[in-house]
């Protein structure tokens, strides 16, 4: 009889452990940055980078139907966003990417690079494209772009 009670007690203990482990939410790992979109056209006519760190600036991104699905209300309060404009280009295939990113105790240091794909398409005379990239930085620390 004691052996049977021990087995039942042990089963309840194992079931309780399994349920308690499954019910706790684990903190999901967030990378330091996420590329939200890279577009071949639609950016600015000059090469420049813009850091969006105020809620009203970030909410402006929600007007884009593609970005709306990728930005939560929590992101507006806990993240910064960067718009990397490549400027006017004579062919498709250009973009600005994050080459290196480093987090220090007080800021995020970003190194960018302009790249062109090997299969870029040269546009007809008088036509230009304006590629851009939008990046979410999972931090509210000050951002320095080199």
N, C-alpha and C. Protein backbone atom coordinates (compact mmCIF):
# COMPACT_ATOMS: atom_id res chain seq x y z
N UNK A 1 0.82 -1.19 0.00
CA UNK A 1 0.00 0.00 0.00
C UNK A 1 0.86 1.26 0.00
N UNK A 2 1.93 1.29 0.78
CA UNK A 2 2.82 2.44 0.83
C UNK A 2 3.51 2.67 -0.51
N UNK A 3 3.86 1.59 -1.16
CA UNK A 3 4.53 1.69 -2.47
C UNK A 3 3.60 2.33 -3.50
N UNK A 4 2.32 1.98 -3.45
CA UNK A 4 1.35 2.54 -4.37
C UNK A 4 1.18 4.04 -4.12
N UNK A 5 1.13 4.47 -2.87
CA UNK A 5 1.01 5.89 -2.53
C UNK A 5 2.25 6.66 -2.99
N UNK A 6 3.41 6.03 -2.84
CA UNK A 6 4.66 6.65 -3.28
C UNK A 6 4.65 6.88 -4.78
N UNK A 7 4.19 5.89 -5.53
CA UNK A 7 4.12 6.01 -6.99
C UNK A 7 3.16 7.13 -7.40
N UNK A 8 2.01 7.19 -6.75
CA UNK A 8 1.02 8.24 -7.06
C UNK A 8 1.59 9.60 -6.71
N UNK A 9 2.21 9.71 -5.55
CA UNK A 9 2.82 10.97 -5.13
C UNK A 9 3.91 11.41 -6.10
N UNK A 10 4.72 10.45 -6.53
CA UNK A 10 5.80 10.75 -7.47
C UNK A 10 5.23 11.23 -8.81
N UNK A 11 4.16 10.60 -9.27
CA UNK A 11 3.51 11.02 -10.52
C UNK A 11 2.99 12.45 -10.41
N UNK A 12 2.35 12.78 -9.27
CA UNK A 12 1.87 14.14 -9.07
C UNK A 12 3.03 15.15 -9.04
N UNK A 13 4.13 14.75 -8.42
CA UNK A 13 5.30 15.63 -8.35
C UNK A 13 5.85 15.91 -9.74
N UNK A 14 5.99 14.89 -10.56
CA UNK A 14 6.49 15.06 -11.93
C UNK A 14 5.51 15.90 -12.75
N UNK A 15 4.23 15.61 -12.63
CA UNK A 15 3.23 16.39 -13.39
C UNK A 15 3.26 17.85 -12.96
N UNK A 16 3.38 18.10 -11.67
CA UNK A 16 3.45 19.48 -11.18
C UNK A 16 4.67 20.21 -11.71
N UNK A 17 5.80 19.52 -11.73
CA UNK A 17 7.02 20.13 -12.27
C UNK A 17 6.87 20.45 -13.76
N UNK A 18 6.32 19.54 -14.51
CA UNK A 18 6.14 19.77 -15.94
C UNK A 18 5.19 20.93 -16.20
N UNK A 19 4.10 20.99 -15.46
CA UNK A 19 3.14 22.07 -15.66
C UNK A 19 3.72 23.42 -15.25
N UNK A 20 4.47 23.44 -14.15
CA UNK A 20 5.03 24.71 -13.72
C UNK A 20 6.10 25.21 -14.67
N UNK A 21 6.86 24.31 -15.27
CA UNK A 21 7.87 24.73 -16.24
C UNK A 21 7.22 25.26 -17.51
N UNK A 22 6.13 24.63 -17.93
CA UNK A 22 5.48 25.03 -19.17
C UNK A 22 4.68 26.32 -19.03
N UNK A 23 4.25 26.64 -17.83
CA UNK A 23 3.39 27.81 -17.68
C UNK A 23 4.17 29.11 -17.56
N UNK A 24 5.42 29.05 -17.23
CA UNK A 24 6.21 30.27 -17.11
C UNK A 24 6.65 30.73 -18.49
N UNK A 25 6.49 32.01 -18.75
CA UNK A 25 6.94 32.52 -20.04
C UNK A 25 8.43 32.79 -19.97
N UNK A 26 9.13 32.33 -20.95
CA UNK A 26 10.57 32.54 -21.02
C UNK A 26 10.83 33.85 -21.73
N UNK A 27 11.84 34.57 -21.30
CA UNK A 27 12.21 35.81 -21.97
C UNK A 27 12.80 35.47 -23.33
N UNK A 28 12.23 36.05 -24.34
CA UNK A 28 12.71 35.80 -25.70
C UNK A 28 13.96 36.63 -25.95
N UNK A 29 14.91 36.04 -26.61
CA UNK A 29 16.13 36.75 -26.97
C UNK A 29 15.81 37.74 -28.07
N UNK A 30 16.22 38.98 -27.89
CA UNK A 30 16.05 39.99 -28.92
C UNK A 30 17.43 40.39 -29.41
N UNK A 31 17.64 40.34 -30.71
CA UNK A 31 18.92 40.82 -31.23
C UNK A 31 19.03 42.32 -31.01
N UNK A 32 20.24 42.85 -31.07
CA UNK A 32 20.46 44.28 -30.86
C UNK A 32 19.73 45.10 -31.92
N UNK A 33 19.66 44.58 -33.15
CA UNK A 33 18.94 45.31 -34.20
C UNK A 33 18.24 44.33 -35.13
N UNK A 34 17.23 44.87 -35.81
CA UNK A 34 16.48 44.10 -36.80
C UNK A 34 16.23 44.99 -38.02
N UNK A 35 16.51 44.47 -39.20
CA UNK A 35 16.20 45.20 -40.42
C UNK A 35 14.71 44.98 -40.70
N UNK A 36 13.94 46.07 -40.67
CA UNK A 36 12.50 45.97 -40.89
C UNK A 36 12.15 45.96 -42.37
N UNK A 37 12.88 46.73 -43.16
CA UNK A 37 12.63 46.75 -44.60
C UNK A 37 13.85 47.30 -45.32
N UNK A 38 14.06 46.81 -46.52
CA UNK A 38 15.05 47.35 -47.47
C UNK A 38 14.31 47.54 -48.78
N UNK A 39 14.22 48.78 -49.23
CA UNK A 39 13.47 49.08 -50.43
C UNK A 39 14.39 49.62 -51.52
N UNK A 40 14.09 49.24 -52.75
CA UNK A 40 14.89 49.68 -53.90
C UNK A 40 14.61 51.13 -54.27
N UNK A 41 13.46 51.64 -53.88
CA UNK A 41 13.08 52.99 -54.26
C UNK A 41 12.12 53.56 -53.21
N UNK A 42 12.06 54.89 -53.15
CA UNK A 42 11.13 55.55 -52.24
C UNK A 42 11.80 56.36 -51.14
N UNK A 43 13.13 56.36 -51.11
CA UNK A 43 13.85 57.10 -50.08
C UNK A 43 14.11 58.54 -50.48
N UNK A 44 15.07 59.16 -49.83
CA UNK A 44 15.40 60.56 -50.05
C UNK A 44 16.35 60.73 -51.24
N UNK A 45 16.38 61.94 -51.77
CA UNK A 45 17.23 62.22 -52.93
C UNK A 45 18.70 62.38 -52.56
N UNK A 46 18.98 62.61 -51.28
CA UNK A 46 20.38 62.71 -50.84
C UNK A 46 20.66 61.60 -49.83
N UNK A 47 21.94 61.26 -49.70
CA UNK A 47 22.35 60.23 -48.75
C UNK A 47 22.37 60.86 -47.35
N UNK A 48 21.58 60.31 -46.45
CA UNK A 48 21.60 60.73 -45.05
C UNK A 48 20.94 59.67 -44.18
N UNK A 49 21.23 59.73 -42.90
CA UNK A 49 20.68 58.79 -41.94
C UNK A 49 19.89 59.57 -40.89
N UNK A 50 18.74 59.05 -40.52
CA UNK A 50 17.89 59.72 -39.54
C UNK A 50 17.58 58.76 -38.40
N UNK A 51 17.79 59.23 -37.17
CA UNK A 51 17.50 58.44 -35.98
C UNK A 51 16.14 58.90 -35.44
N UNK A 52 15.23 57.95 -35.30
CA UNK A 52 13.90 58.24 -34.74
C UNK A 52 13.88 57.68 -33.32
N UNK A 53 13.79 58.56 -32.33
CA UNK A 53 13.79 58.09 -30.95
C UNK A 53 12.64 58.62 -30.12
N UNK A 54 11.85 59.52 -30.67
CA UNK A 54 10.68 60.04 -29.96
C UNK A 54 9.43 59.33 -30.47
N UNK A 55 8.49 59.12 -29.57
CA UNK A 55 7.28 58.37 -29.91
C UNK A 55 6.55 58.94 -31.11
N UNK A 56 6.44 60.27 -31.21
CA UNK A 56 5.71 60.87 -32.33
C UNK A 56 6.43 60.62 -33.65
N UNK A 57 7.77 60.56 -33.64
CA UNK A 57 8.52 60.26 -34.87
C UNK A 57 8.33 58.80 -35.27
N UNK A 58 8.40 57.92 -34.28
CA UNK A 58 8.28 56.48 -34.55
C UNK A 58 6.87 56.14 -35.04
N UNK A 59 5.85 56.78 -34.49
CA UNK A 59 4.47 56.52 -34.91
C UNK A 59 4.27 56.85 -36.39
N UNK A 60 5.09 57.74 -36.92
CA UNK A 60 5.03 58.08 -38.34
C UNK A 60 5.29 56.83 -39.21
N UNK A 61 6.12 55.92 -38.72
CA UNK A 61 6.42 54.69 -39.47
C UNK A 61 5.18 53.80 -39.60
N UNK A 62 4.26 53.95 -38.68
CA UNK A 62 3.06 53.11 -38.70
C UNK A 62 2.13 53.44 -39.86
N UNK A 63 2.39 54.52 -40.58
CA UNK A 63 1.60 54.85 -41.77
C UNK A 63 1.92 53.91 -42.92
N UNK A 64 3.07 53.24 -42.86
CA UNK A 64 3.46 52.29 -43.90
C UNK A 64 2.82 50.93 -43.57
N UNK A 65 2.03 50.40 -44.48
CA UNK A 65 1.30 49.15 -44.21
C UNK A 65 2.24 47.98 -43.93
N UNK A 66 3.42 47.97 -44.53
CA UNK A 66 4.40 46.89 -44.31
C UNK A 66 5.01 47.01 -42.91
N UNK A 67 5.34 48.20 -42.49
CA UNK A 67 5.99 48.40 -41.19
C UNK A 67 5.01 48.28 -40.03
N UNK A 68 3.77 48.63 -40.25
CA UNK A 68 2.74 48.58 -39.22
C UNK A 68 2.69 47.20 -38.56
N UNK A 69 2.92 46.16 -39.34
CA UNK A 69 2.86 44.79 -38.83
C UNK A 69 4.12 44.42 -38.04
N UNK A 70 5.17 45.22 -38.16
CA UNK A 70 6.46 44.89 -37.55
C UNK A 70 6.81 45.74 -36.34
N UNK A 71 5.95 46.70 -35.99
CA UNK A 71 6.23 47.61 -34.89
C UNK A 71 5.06 47.56 -33.90
N UNK A 72 5.37 47.24 -32.64
CA UNK A 72 4.34 47.17 -31.61
C UNK A 72 4.36 48.45 -30.77
N UNK A 73 3.34 48.61 -29.95
CA UNK A 73 3.29 49.75 -29.03
C UNK A 73 4.47 49.69 -28.05
N UNK A 74 4.85 48.49 -27.64
CA UNK A 74 6.00 48.32 -26.75
C UNK A 74 7.29 48.80 -27.44
N UNK A 75 7.43 48.53 -28.74
CA UNK A 75 8.61 48.97 -29.49
C UNK A 75 8.74 50.50 -29.49
N UNK A 76 7.61 51.18 -29.56
CA UNK A 76 7.63 52.65 -29.59
C UNK A 76 8.26 53.19 -28.31
N UNK A 77 8.03 52.51 -27.19
CA UNK A 77 8.56 52.94 -25.90
C UNK A 77 9.97 52.42 -25.62
N UNK A 78 10.36 51.28 -26.22
CA UNK A 78 11.62 50.64 -25.83
C UNK A 78 12.68 50.58 -26.92
N UNK A 79 12.37 51.04 -28.13
CA UNK A 79 13.31 50.92 -29.25
C UNK A 79 13.55 52.26 -29.93
N UNK A 80 14.66 52.35 -30.62
CA UNK A 80 14.93 53.45 -31.54
C UNK A 80 14.88 52.89 -32.96
N UNK A 81 14.68 53.75 -33.93
CA UNK A 81 14.62 53.33 -35.32
C UNK A 81 15.56 54.21 -36.13
N UNK A 82 16.12 53.65 -37.19
CA UNK A 82 17.02 54.40 -38.05
C UNK A 82 16.57 54.24 -39.49
N UNK A 83 16.54 55.36 -40.20
CA UNK A 83 16.28 55.34 -41.64
C UNK A 83 17.61 55.61 -42.32
N UNK A 84 18.06 54.67 -43.14
CA UNK A 84 19.32 54.78 -43.86
C UNK A 84 19.00 55.05 -45.33
N UNK A 85 19.16 56.27 -45.77
CA UNK A 85 18.89 56.64 -47.16
C UNK A 85 20.18 56.58 -47.96
N UNK A 86 20.15 55.89 -49.10
CA UNK A 86 21.33 55.77 -49.96
C UNK A 86 21.47 56.95 -50.91
N UNK A 87 20.40 57.72 -51.10
CA UNK A 87 20.45 58.85 -52.02
C UNK A 87 20.09 58.43 -53.44
N UNK A 88 20.30 59.35 -54.38
CA UNK A 88 19.95 59.12 -55.79
C UNK A 88 20.93 58.15 -56.44
N UNK A 89 20.39 57.10 -57.09
CA UNK A 89 21.22 56.09 -57.75
C UNK A 89 20.73 55.88 -59.18
N UNK A 90 21.67 55.56 -60.05
CA UNK A 90 21.37 55.38 -61.47
C UNK A 90 21.02 53.93 -61.80
N UNK A 91 21.09 53.04 -60.80
CA UNK A 91 20.74 51.64 -61.07
C UNK A 91 20.12 51.00 -59.83
N UNK A 92 19.31 49.99 -60.07
CA UNK A 92 18.78 49.18 -58.98
C UNK A 92 19.91 48.34 -58.43
N UNK A 93 19.84 47.98 -57.16
CA UNK A 93 20.84 47.09 -56.57
C UNK A 93 21.63 47.74 -55.46
N UNK A 94 21.52 49.05 -55.31
CA UNK A 94 22.21 49.74 -54.22
C UNK A 94 21.41 49.62 -52.93
N UNK A 95 22.14 49.65 -51.82
CA UNK A 95 21.50 49.76 -50.52
C UNK A 95 22.53 50.14 -49.48
N UNK A 96 22.05 50.59 -48.34
CA UNK A 96 22.90 50.89 -47.20
C UNK A 96 22.60 49.83 -46.15
N UNK A 97 23.65 49.22 -45.63
CA UNK A 97 23.48 48.16 -44.63
C UNK A 97 24.27 48.51 -43.37
N UNK A 98 23.96 47.82 -42.29
CA UNK A 98 24.76 47.94 -41.08
C UNK A 98 25.91 46.96 -41.23
N UNK A 99 27.11 47.49 -41.28
CA UNK A 99 28.31 46.67 -41.41
C UNK A 99 28.74 46.12 -40.05
N UNK A 100 28.62 46.96 -39.01
CA UNK A 100 29.03 46.57 -37.68
C UNK A 100 28.20 47.35 -36.67
N UNK A 101 27.86 46.72 -35.57
CA UNK A 101 27.13 47.40 -34.50
C UNK A 101 27.71 46.95 -33.18
N UNK A 102 27.90 47.91 -32.30
CA UNK A 102 28.51 47.62 -31.00
C UNK A 102 27.74 48.36 -29.92
N UNK A 103 27.47 47.67 -28.82
CA UNK A 103 26.78 48.28 -27.70
C UNK A 103 27.78 48.52 -26.58
N UNK A 104 27.85 49.76 -26.11
CA UNK A 104 28.68 50.09 -24.95
C UNK A 104 27.73 50.35 -23.78
N UNK A 105 28.29 50.75 -22.66
CA UNK A 105 27.45 50.97 -21.48
C UNK A 105 26.46 52.12 -21.65
N UNK A 106 26.80 53.08 -22.52
CA UNK A 106 25.94 54.25 -22.64
C UNK A 106 25.43 54.54 -24.05
N UNK A 107 25.91 53.81 -25.07
CA UNK A 107 25.43 54.10 -26.43
C UNK A 107 25.58 52.89 -27.35
N UNK A 108 24.97 53.04 -28.52
CA UNK A 108 25.06 52.05 -29.60
C UNK A 108 25.87 52.71 -30.71
N UNK A 109 26.95 52.05 -31.16
CA UNK A 109 27.80 52.59 -32.22
C UNK A 109 27.56 51.75 -33.47
N UNK A 110 27.16 52.43 -34.55
CA UNK A 110 26.80 51.74 -35.78
C UNK A 110 27.73 52.17 -36.90
N UNK A 111 28.22 51.19 -37.63
CA UNK A 111 29.04 51.45 -38.82
C UNK A 111 28.23 50.96 -40.03
N UNK A 112 28.03 51.85 -41.00
CA UNK A 112 27.24 51.49 -42.17
C UNK A 112 28.14 51.29 -43.39
N UNK A 113 27.55 50.70 -44.41
CA UNK A 113 28.28 50.50 -45.66
C UNK A 113 27.28 50.53 -46.81
N UNK A 114 27.67 51.18 -47.90
CA UNK A 114 26.84 51.17 -49.10
C UNK A 114 27.26 49.97 -49.93
N UNK A 115 26.30 49.19 -50.36
CA UNK A 115 26.59 47.99 -51.15
C UNK A 115 25.80 48.04 -52.45
N UNK A 116 26.29 47.33 -53.43
CA UNK A 116 25.56 47.16 -54.70
C UNK A 116 25.63 45.69 -55.07
N UNK A 117 24.51 45.14 -55.46
CA UNK A 117 24.48 43.72 -55.83
C UNK A 117 25.13 43.53 -57.20
N UNK A 118 25.62 42.33 -57.41
CA UNK A 118 26.30 41.99 -58.67
C UNK A 118 25.34 42.03 -59.86
N UNK A 119 24.08 41.80 -59.61
CA UNK A 119 23.09 41.78 -60.69
C UNK A 119 22.27 43.07 -60.73
N UNK A 120 22.93 44.20 -60.48
CA UNK A 120 22.23 45.48 -60.50
C UNK A 120 21.77 45.81 -61.93
N UNK A 121 20.68 46.54 -62.01
CA UNK A 121 20.08 46.89 -63.29
C UNK A 121 20.24 48.39 -63.52
N UNK A 122 20.95 48.75 -64.58
CA UNK A 122 21.14 50.16 -64.92
C UNK A 122 19.84 50.69 -65.52
N UNK A 123 19.46 51.88 -65.07
CA UNK A 123 18.21 52.48 -65.51
C UNK A 123 18.40 53.29 -66.79
N UNK A 124 17.32 53.49 -67.54
CA UNK A 124 17.39 54.34 -68.74
C UNK A 124 17.79 55.77 -68.37
N UNK A 125 18.24 56.51 -69.34
CA UNK A 125 18.64 57.91 -69.17
C UNK A 125 17.57 58.70 -68.41
N UNK A 126 17.98 59.56 -67.51
CA UNK A 126 17.10 60.46 -66.76
C UNK A 126 16.22 59.74 -65.71
N UNK A 127 16.46 58.47 -65.44
CA UNK A 127 15.70 57.77 -64.41
C UNK A 127 16.62 57.45 -63.24
N UNK A 128 16.08 57.60 -62.02
CA UNK A 128 16.85 57.34 -60.82
C UNK A 128 15.99 56.59 -59.80
N UNK A 129 16.65 55.91 -58.89
CA UNK A 129 15.97 55.27 -57.76
C UNK A 129 16.59 55.80 -56.48
N UNK A 130 15.86 55.63 -55.38
CA UNK A 130 16.26 56.18 -54.09
C UNK A 130 16.11 55.10 -53.01
N UNK A 131 17.08 54.18 -52.94
CA UNK A 131 16.97 53.07 -52.00
C UNK A 131 17.12 53.50 -50.54
N UNK A 132 16.47 52.74 -49.67
CA UNK A 132 16.56 53.02 -48.24
C UNK A 132 16.34 51.75 -47.43
N UNK A 133 16.80 51.81 -46.19
CA UNK A 133 16.65 50.71 -45.24
C UNK A 133 16.12 51.29 -43.93
N UNK A 134 15.21 50.57 -43.29
CA UNK A 134 14.73 50.98 -41.98
C UNK A 134 15.09 49.88 -40.98
N UNK A 135 15.76 50.30 -39.90
CA UNK A 135 16.28 49.37 -38.90
C UNK A 135 15.69 49.70 -37.53
N UNK A 136 15.33 48.64 -36.81
CA UNK A 136 14.87 48.81 -35.42
C UNK A 136 16.03 48.44 -34.50
N UNK A 137 16.37 49.35 -33.59
CA UNK A 137 17.40 49.11 -32.59
C UNK A 137 16.68 48.78 -31.29
N UNK A 138 16.91 47.61 -30.76
CA UNK A 138 16.21 47.16 -29.55
C UNK A 138 16.84 47.76 -28.29
N UNK A 139 16.91 49.07 -28.26
CA UNK A 139 17.48 49.81 -27.14
C UNK A 139 17.08 51.28 -27.27
N UNK A 140 17.04 51.96 -26.15
CA UNK A 140 16.79 53.40 -26.16
C UNK A 140 18.08 54.18 -25.88
N UNK A 141 19.22 53.50 -25.92
CA UNK A 141 20.49 54.19 -25.70
C UNK A 141 20.77 55.16 -26.84
N UNK A 142 21.62 56.14 -26.58
CA UNK A 142 22.04 57.08 -27.61
C UNK A 142 22.69 56.31 -28.77
N UNK A 143 22.47 56.78 -29.99
CA UNK A 143 23.02 56.10 -31.18
C UNK A 143 24.05 57.01 -31.84
N UNK A 144 25.15 56.39 -32.20
CA UNK A 144 26.22 57.09 -32.94
C UNK A 144 26.43 56.34 -34.24
N UNK A 145 26.34 57.04 -35.37
CA UNK A 145 26.51 56.40 -36.67
C UNK A 145 27.82 56.91 -37.29
N UNK A 146 28.68 55.98 -37.66
CA UNK A 146 29.95 56.32 -38.32
C UNK A 146 29.89 55.96 -39.79
